[in-house]
């Protein structure tokens, strides 16, 4: 039995026996070709050759075998997994990250500019910033269900408390009071002061704060996918770890590292391009 195998006709499998003996009719170390069983996502038959699989001639199993037997897919199946999981995780990650950044930016900017807004929101943000979002997974599940809204909410609300406080502190510390007075003297409105003076001054700090939240956001996503998803990096790591398919686990870990490094590098380049006066 293969749980949620998603194998297709003609996919190549290599049989490996971890302990005991393989089922009768099969040999350890040999390659076989898939014949899907109609109406089942968990069962397949195997053929000795690709042509046999296309013609529906499958291997008859004469006994159940003993111990643990694993199958390892080859070729396009890996590519299909990787593409599907990358697409699913990327949509969830960027949707949650962008939502969290937008929420944090508006809230942090308001807190930094208006003391009464800071007095109202800061205690709650400080409280929720100390609760790990992974510990609240059941709460998100009850409130948002098990679809993409759960992942977006977990990422957005997971990074928002810390990120909003960082933006608030940047507004209060990096924006000089005399610059605000000069803007008002020249006839600027409140909105113009916030946009032209405050936002431009704190933008590099905001980008730095977002860089620091990329890692935690990836942790939140993988944890949520590990528990609840049916596709994505976290789901695939859970399934392949259970099957001890370490070649797939290592491949996915390498891709996660590359993705994190690329995001960090991209945000650094973006900050240097938008704010060349800020320096490194």
Foldseek 3Di string as FASTA:
>chain_A
DAPQLPDDFFWKKAKAAPDWAAFAQDDHGAIWTWQQDPPDRGDIFTPNHSVCSVVVNGTDGPGHTDHDMDMDTDDVSLVVQVVFQCVVLVVLLVLQLVLLLVLLLVLLLCVQVDVVSVVVCVVVLVVLQPDQLLVCLVVLCVVPNQDSSSSSCSLNSNLRSVLSPQSSVLLNPQQDPVVLVVCVVVPDDPVCCSPVGRCLRCVLSSLVSSLVSSVVSVVSSLSSCLPRNPGHLNVVLNSCVVVVVVVSNVVSVVVVVVVSVVVNVVSVVVSCVSCVVVPD
